[in-house]
Amino acid sequence: MGVVLSSWFGKKRNPEELEMALSKAKEIVSSTPVVVFSKTYCGYCRRVKELLTQLGATYKVIELDVESDGDDIQAALLEWTGQRTVPNVFIGGKHIGGFDNVKAKHEEGKLVSLLTEAGAIANNSSQL
């Protein structure tokens, strides 16, 4: 899979760099109730962040286009989750997916409970 990742992201990746980026991503996800791996210019990322904010959720954003190792983190996320696109959302340590997945969870009435269980929302009264 490393060869595929190297060609997909346009540079040959050192396995040690990918392992460091994967460890970093996993540490962030395990230590934070909600994480959004994002890019500053991404409209879908903006919409996910707006929804989480409207719901009153506390969340951490990692802007991959600003991080010095953002490309490595994105490559590591692809290897870990199978998803290469952003936003790449984790709630309670579990991979949720991108905007469509988060929106679907919200429309099904499941997003607020996931956020509450993860400790990102104090109560269910903020559901839209």
N, C-alpha and C. Protein backbone atom coordinates (compact mmCIF):
# COMPACT_ATOMS: atom_id res chain seq x y z
N MET A 1 0.83 -1.20 0.00
CA MET A 1 0.00 0.00 0.00
C MET A 1 0.87 1.26 0.00
N GLY A 2 2.09 1.17 0.53
CA GLY A 2 2.97 2.32 0.57
C GLY A 2 3.26 2.91 -0.79
N VAL A 3 3.41 2.05 -1.79
CA VAL A 3 3.66 2.54 -3.15
C VAL A 3 2.46 3.31 -3.66
N VAL A 4 1.27 2.81 -3.39
CA VAL A 4 0.05 3.51 -3.80
C VAL A 4 -0.01 4.87 -3.12
N LEU A 5 0.26 4.90 -1.81
CA LEU A 5 0.23 6.16 -1.09
C LEU A 5 1.26 7.14 -1.65
N SER A 6 2.46 6.63 -1.93
CA SER A 6 3.50 7.50 -2.43
C SER A 6 3.09 8.15 -3.73
N SER A 7 2.53 7.36 -4.64
CA SER A 7 2.15 7.93 -5.92
C SER A 7 0.92 8.82 -5.80
N TRP A 8 0.00 8.48 -4.90
CA TRP A 8 -1.21 9.28 -4.75
C TRP A 8 -0.89 10.68 -4.26
N PHE A 9 0.00 10.79 -3.27
CA PHE A 9 0.29 12.09 -2.69
C PHE A 9 1.49 12.77 -3.34
N GLY A 10 2.02 12.19 -4.41
CA GLY A 10 3.00 12.89 -5.22
C GLY A 10 4.42 12.88 -4.71
N LYS A 11 4.71 12.25 -3.59
CA LYS A 11 6.10 12.16 -3.15
C LYS A 11 6.32 10.81 -2.51
N LYS A 12 7.51 10.32 -2.67
CA LYS A 12 7.85 9.04 -2.06
C LYS A 12 7.94 9.27 -0.55
N ARG A 13 7.21 8.45 0.19
CA ARG A 13 7.15 8.63 1.64
C ARG A 13 8.05 7.63 2.34
N ASN A 14 8.76 8.13 3.28
CA ASN A 14 9.58 7.32 4.14
C ASN A 14 8.66 6.57 5.11
N PRO A 15 8.78 5.26 5.22
CA PRO A 15 7.90 4.51 6.13
C PRO A 15 7.95 5.01 7.58
N GLU A 16 9.11 5.48 7.99
CA GLU A 16 9.24 6.02 9.36
C GLU A 16 8.43 7.31 9.53
N GLU A 17 8.43 8.15 8.49
CA GLU A 17 7.64 9.38 8.54
C GLU A 17 6.15 9.06 8.60
N LEU A 18 5.72 8.08 7.80
CA LEU A 18 4.31 7.68 7.83
C LEU A 18 3.94 7.11 9.19
N GLU A 19 4.83 6.30 9.76
CA GLU A 19 4.55 5.72 11.07
C GLU A 19 4.46 6.81 12.14
N MET A 20 5.35 7.81 12.06
CA MET A 20 5.29 8.92 13.01
C MET A 20 3.99 9.70 12.84
N ALA A 21 3.58 9.94 11.61
CA ALA A 21 2.34 10.68 11.34
C ALA A 21 1.13 9.87 11.82
N LEU A 22 1.16 8.57 11.62
CA LEU A 22 0.06 7.72 12.09
C LEU A 22 0.00 7.72 13.61
N SER A 23 1.13 7.63 14.26
CA SER A 23 1.16 7.68 15.73
C SER A 23 0.62 9.02 16.23
N LYS A 24 1.00 10.10 15.56
CA LYS A 24 0.52 11.43 15.94
C LYS A 24 -0.99 11.51 15.79
N ALA A 25 -1.51 11.06 14.65
CA ALA A 25 -2.96 11.11 14.41
C ALA A 25 -3.70 10.27 15.45
N LYS A 26 -3.21 9.08 15.74
CA LYS A 26 -3.86 8.20 16.71
C LYS A 26 -3.83 8.80 18.12
N GLU A 27 -2.73 9.46 18.46
CA GLU A 27 -2.64 10.11 19.77
C GLU A 27 -3.65 11.24 19.88
N ILE A 28 -3.78 12.05 18.85
CA ILE A 28 -4.75 13.15 18.85
C ILE A 28 -6.16 12.59 18.98
N VAL A 29 -6.48 11.56 18.20
CA VAL A 29 -7.82 10.98 18.21
C VAL A 29 -8.14 10.36 19.57
N SER A 30 -7.17 9.69 20.18
CA SER A 30 -7.43 9.01 21.45
C SER A 30 -7.51 9.97 22.63
N SER A 31 -6.95 11.16 22.48
CA SER A 31 -6.92 12.10 23.61
C SER A 31 -7.93 13.24 23.48
N THR A 32 -8.74 13.24 22.42
CA THR A 32 -9.68 14.32 22.17
C THR A 32 -11.04 13.72 21.79
N PRO A 33 -12.13 14.21 22.43
CA PRO A 33 -13.45 13.62 22.14
C PRO A 33 -13.88 13.71 20.67
N VAL A 34 -13.59 14.83 20.01
CA VAL A 34 -13.97 15.00 18.61
C VAL A 34 -12.81 15.65 17.88
N VAL A 35 -12.42 15.02 16.76
CA VAL A 35 -11.33 15.56 15.94
C VAL A 35 -11.81 15.66 14.50
N VAL A 36 -11.52 16.82 13.89
CA VAL A 36 -11.81 17.03 12.48
C VAL A 36 -10.48 17.31 11.79
N PHE A 37 -10.05 16.36 10.96
CA PHE A 37 -8.90 16.60 10.10
C PHE A 37 -9.46 17.32 8.88
N SER A 38 -8.92 18.51 8.61
CA SER A 38 -9.56 19.45 7.71
C SER A 38 -8.52 20.12 6.83
N LYS A 39 -8.99 20.93 5.89
CA LYS A 39 -8.14 21.86 5.14
C LYS A 39 -8.87 23.20 5.14
N THR A 40 -8.12 24.27 5.27
CA THR A 40 -8.70 25.59 5.46
C THR A 40 -9.61 26.02 4.32
N TYR A 41 -9.34 25.57 3.11
CA TYR A 41 -10.10 26.00 1.93
C TYR A 41 -11.26 25.07 1.58
N CYS A 42 -11.46 24.02 2.34
CA CYS A 42 -12.45 22.99 2.00
C CYS A 42 -13.85 23.37 2.48
N GLY A 43 -14.78 23.48 1.55
CA GLY A 43 -16.16 23.83 1.87
C GLY A 43 -16.86 22.78 2.72
N TYR A 44 -16.62 21.51 2.45
CA TYR A 44 -17.24 20.46 3.26
C TYR A 44 -16.69 20.47 4.68
N CYS A 45 -15.41 20.78 4.81
CA CYS A 45 -14.81 20.90 6.15
C CYS A 45 -15.49 22.04 6.92
N ARG A 46 -15.68 23.17 6.24
CA ARG A 46 -16.34 24.32 6.86
C ARG A 46 -17.73 23.93 7.33
N ARG A 47 -18.47 23.18 6.52
CA ARG A 47 -19.83 22.79 6.88
C ARG A 47 -19.86 21.86 8.08
N VAL A 48 -18.91 20.93 8.16
CA VAL A 48 -18.84 20.04 9.33
C VAL A 48 -18.55 20.85 10.59
N LYS A 49 -17.60 21.77 10.49
CA LYS A 49 -17.24 22.60 11.65
C LYS A 49 -18.42 23.48 12.07
N GLU A 50 -19.14 24.03 11.10
CA GLU A 50 -20.32 24.84 11.42
C GLU A 50 -21.39 24.00 12.13
N LEU A 51 -21.63 22.79 11.65
CA LEU A 51 -22.63 21.92 12.28
C LEU A 51 -22.22 21.59 13.71
N LEU A 52 -20.97 21.21 13.92
CA LEU A 52 -20.51 20.89 15.27
C LEU A 52 -20.63 22.10 16.19
N THR A 53 -20.30 23.27 15.67
CA THR A 53 -20.43 24.51 16.45
C THR A 53 -21.89 24.78 16.79
N GLN A 54 -22.80 24.64 15.82
CA GLN A 54 -24.22 24.86 16.06
C GLN A 54 -24.76 23.92 17.13
N LEU A 55 -24.22 22.70 17.17
CA LEU A 55 -24.66 21.72 18.16
C LEU A 55 -24.03 21.95 19.52
N GLY A 56 -23.11 22.89 19.60
CA GLY A 56 -22.46 23.21 20.87
C GLY A 56 -21.36 22.24 21.25
N ALA A 57 -20.83 21.54 20.26
CA ALA A 57 -19.80 20.54 20.52
C ALA A 57 -18.42 21.19 20.67
N THR A 58 -17.63 20.61 21.54
CA THR A 58 -16.23 20.96 21.66
C THR A 58 -15.47 20.01 20.76
N TYR A 59 -14.61 20.54 19.92
CA TYR A 59 -13.87 19.69 18.99
C TYR A 59 -12.53 20.31 18.67
N LYS A 60 -11.62 19.46 18.21
CA LYS A 60 -10.28 19.90 17.80
C LYS A 60 -10.19 19.81 16.29
N VAL A 61 -9.62 20.82 15.68
CA VAL A 61 -9.43 20.84 14.23
C VAL A 61 -7.94 20.77 13.94
N ILE A 62 -7.58 19.87 13.05
CA ILE A 62 -6.21 19.79 12.55
C ILE A 62 -6.28 20.18 11.07
N GLU A 63 -5.78 21.37 10.76
CA GLU A 63 -5.80 21.87 9.39
C GLU A 63 -4.57 21.30 8.66
N LEU A 64 -4.78 20.29 7.85
CA LEU A 64 -3.69 19.57 7.23
C LEU A 64 -2.88 20.41 6.25
N ASP A 65 -3.49 21.46 5.69
CA ASP A 65 -2.76 22.32 4.76
C ASP A 65 -1.91 23.36 5.50
N VAL A 66 -2.02 23.41 6.81
CA VAL A 66 -1.24 24.34 7.62
C VAL A 66 -0.15 23.60 8.40
N GLU A 67 -0.43 22.37 8.79
CA GLU A 67 0.53 21.56 9.54
C GLU A 67 1.75 21.23 8.67
N SER A 68 2.93 21.31 9.24
CA SER A 68 4.14 21.00 8.47
C SER A 68 4.16 19.55 8.00
N ASP A 69 3.54 18.65 8.76
CA ASP A 69 3.48 17.24 8.37
C ASP A 69 2.08 16.84 7.91
N GLY A 70 1.31 17.81 7.45
CA GLY A 70 -0.08 17.56 7.05
C GLY A 70 -0.23 16.53 5.95
N ASP A 71 0.66 16.56 4.95
CA ASP A 71 0.58 15.56 3.87
C ASP A 71 0.84 14.16 4.41
N ASP A 72 1.80 14.06 5.33
CA ASP A 72 2.09 12.76 5.93
C ASP A 72 0.91 12.27 6.78
N ILE A 73 0.29 13.18 7.51
CA ILE A 73 -0.87 12.81 8.33
C ILE A 73 -2.01 12.35 7.43
N GLN A 74 -2.24 13.06 6.33
CA GLN A 74 -3.31 12.67 5.42
C GLN A 74 -3.03 11.29 4.81
N ALA A 75 -1.79 11.03 4.45
CA ALA A 75 -1.42 9.72 3.92
C ALA A 75 -1.61 8.64 4.98
N ALA A 76 -1.25 8.95 6.22
CA ALA A 76 -1.43 7.99 7.31
C ALA A 76 -2.91 7.74 7.59
N LEU A 77 -3.73 8.78 7.50
CA LEU A 77 -5.17 8.61 7.69
C LEU A 77 -5.76 7.72 6.61
N LEU A 78 -5.27 7.84 5.38
CA LEU A 78 -5.73 6.97 4.30
C LEU A 78 -5.42 5.51 4.64
N GLU A 79 -4.21 5.27 5.10
CA GLU A 79 -3.82 3.92 5.45
C GLU A 79 -4.66 3.38 6.62
N TRP A 80 -4.93 4.24 7.60
CA TRP A 80 -5.66 3.85 8.82
C TRP A 80 -7.15 3.65 8.55
N THR A 81 -7.76 4.60 7.84
CA THR A 81 -9.23 4.61 7.72
C THR A 81 -9.73 4.21 6.34
N GLY A 82 -8.86 4.25 5.34
CA GLY A 82 -9.30 4.01 3.97
C GLY A 82 -9.90 5.25 3.33
N GLN A 83 -9.91 6.36 4.03
CA GLN A 83 -10.46 7.61 3.51
C GLN A 83 -9.33 8.58 3.22
N ARG A 84 -9.28 9.08 1.99
CA ARG A 84 -8.22 10.01 1.61
C ARG A 84 -8.67 11.46 1.65
N THR A 85 -9.98 11.69 1.74
CA THR A 85 -10.52 13.04 1.64
C THR A 85 -10.71 13.67 3.02
N VAL A 86 -10.88 14.98 3.01
CA VAL A 86 -11.25 15.73 4.21
C VAL A 86 -12.63 16.32 3.97
N PRO A 87 -13.38 16.56 5.03
CA PRO A 87 -13.03 16.33 6.42
C PRO A 87 -12.98 14.84 6.73
N ASN A 88 -12.16 14.51 7.69
CA ASN A 88 -12.05 13.16 8.20
C ASN A 88 -12.32 13.27 9.70
N VAL A 89 -13.50 12.80 10.12
CA VAL A 89 -14.02 13.09 11.46
C VAL A 89 -13.98 11.85 12.34
N PHE A 90 -13.55 12.06 13.57
CA PHE A 90 -13.53 11.03 14.60
C PHE A 90 -14.33 11.54 15.80
N ILE A 91 -15.18 10.69 16.34
CA ILE A 91 -15.95 11.03 17.55
C ILE A 91 -15.78 9.89 18.54
N GLY A 92 -15.34 10.23 19.74
CA GLY A 92 -15.13 9.22 20.76
C GLY A 92 -14.13 8.17 20.34
N GLY A 93 -13.13 8.57 19.59
CA GLY A 93 -12.10 7.65 19.14
C GLY A 93 -12.50 6.80 17.95
N LYS A 94 -13.73 6.95 17.47
CA LYS A 94 -14.21 6.13 16.36
C LYS A 94 -14.25 6.97 15.08
N HIS A 95 -13.84 6.35 13.98
CA HIS A 95 -13.87 7.02 12.70
C HIS A 95 -15.32 7.13 12.22
N ILE A 96 -15.77 8.35 11.97
CA ILE A 96 -17.14 8.59 11.49
C ILE A 96 -17.13 8.71 9.97
N GLY A 97 -16.15 9.41 9.44
CA GLY A 97 -16.05 9.59 7.99
C GLY A 97 -16.02 11.06 7.64
N GLY A 98 -16.56 11.35 6.46
CA GLY A 98 -16.55 12.71 5.96
C GLY A 98 -17.86 13.43 6.19
N PHE A 99 -18.05 14.51 5.45
CA PHE A 99 -19.23 15.35 5.63
C PHE A 99 -20.53 14.56 5.46
N ASP A 100 -20.62 13.76 4.40
CA ASP A 100 -21.86 13.02 4.15
C ASP A 100 -22.21 12.09 5.31
N ASN A 101 -21.20 11.44 5.89
CA ASN A 101 -21.44 10.54 7.02
C ASN A 101 -21.90 11.30 8.25
N VAL A 102 -21.26 12.43 8.52
CA VAL A 102 -21.64 13.24 9.68
C VAL A 102 -23.05 13.78 9.50
N LYS A 103 -23.35 14.28 8.31
CA LYS A 103 -24.68 14.81 8.02
C LYS A 103 -25.73 13.71 8.16
N ALA A 104 -25.44 12.51 7.65
CA ALA A 104 -26.38 11.40 7.77
C ALA A 104 -26.64 11.04 9.22
N LYS A 105 -25.58 11.01 10.04
CA LYS A 105 -25.75 10.73 11.48
C LYS A 105 -26.67 11.78 12.11
N HIS A 106 -26.50 13.02 11.70
CA HIS A 106 -27.33 14.10 12.25
C HIS A 106 -28.78 13.93 11.81
N GLU A 107 -28.98 13.64 10.53
CA GLU A 107 -30.34 13.48 10.01
C GLU A 107 -31.05 12.26 10.62
N GLU A 108 -30.27 11.25 11.01
CA GLU A 108 -30.82 10.06 11.66
C GLU A 108 -31.06 10.29 13.15
N GLY A 109 -30.67 11.46 13.65
CA GLY A 109 -30.82 11.76 15.07
C GLY A 109 -29.78 11.11 15.96
N LYS A 110 -28.67 10.68 15.38
CA LYS A 110 -27.65 9.96 16.14
C LYS A 110 -26.42 10.80 16.49
N LEU A 111 -26.24 11.92 15.82
CA LEU A 111 -25.01 12.70 16.01
C LEU A 111 -24.91 13.29 17.41
N VAL A 112 -25.98 13.88 17.89
CA VAL A 112 -25.94 14.51 19.21
C VAL A 112 -25.63 13.48 20.29
N SER A 113 -26.23 12.31 20.21
CA SER A 113 -25.96 11.29 21.23
C SER A 113 -24.51 10.82 21.14
N LEU A 114 -23.97 10.69 19.93
CA LEU A 114 -22.55 10.33 19.79
C LEU A 114 -21.66 11.40 20.43
N LEU A 115 -21.98 12.66 20.16
CA LEU A 115 -21.19 13.76 20.72
C LEU A 115 -21.32 13.81 22.24
N THR A 116 -22.53 13.54 22.75
CA THR A 116 -22.76 13.55 24.20
C THR A 116 -21.99 12.41 24.85
N GLU A 117 -22.09 11.22 24.29
CA GLU A 117 -21.37 10.06 24.84
C GLU A 117 -19.87 10.28 24.84
N ALA A 118 -19.36 11.00 23.86
CA ALA A 118 -17.92 11.28 23.77
C ALA A 118 -17.49 12.38 24.73
N GLY A 119 -18.46 13.09 25.32
CA GLY A 119 -18.14 14.18 26.23
C GLY A 119 -17.93 15.51 25.54
N ALA A 120 -18.37 15.62 24.29
CA ALA A 120 -18.18 16.86 23.53
C ALA A 120 -19.35 17.81 23.69
N ILE A 121 -20.49 17.31 24.19
CA ILE A 121 -21.68 18.13 24.46
C ILE A 121 -22.14 17.79 25.87
N ALA A 122 -22.51 18.82 26.61
CA ALA A 122 -22.90 18.62 28.01
C ALA A 122 -24.25 17.91 28.13
N ASN A 123 -25.20 18.23 27.23
CA ASN A 123 -26.52 17.58 27.28
C ASN A 123 -27.15 17.57 25.91
N ASN A 124 -28.31 16.93 25.78
CA ASN A 124 -29.00 16.81 24.49
C ASN A 124 -29.87 18.00 24.14
N SER A 125 -29.90 19.04 24.95
CA SER A 125 -30.82 20.15 24.70
C SER A 125 -30.41 21.01 23.51
N SER A 126 -29.20 20.79 22.97
CA SER A 126 -28.72 21.64 21.87
C SER A 126 -29.00 21.06 20.50
N GLN A 127 -29.77 19.99 20.42
CA GLN A 127 -30.03 19.37 19.13
C GLN A 127 -30.86 20.30 18.25
N LEU A 128 -30.47 20.41 16.98
CA LEU A 128 -31.17 21.27 16.02
C LEU A 128 -32.29 20.50 15.36
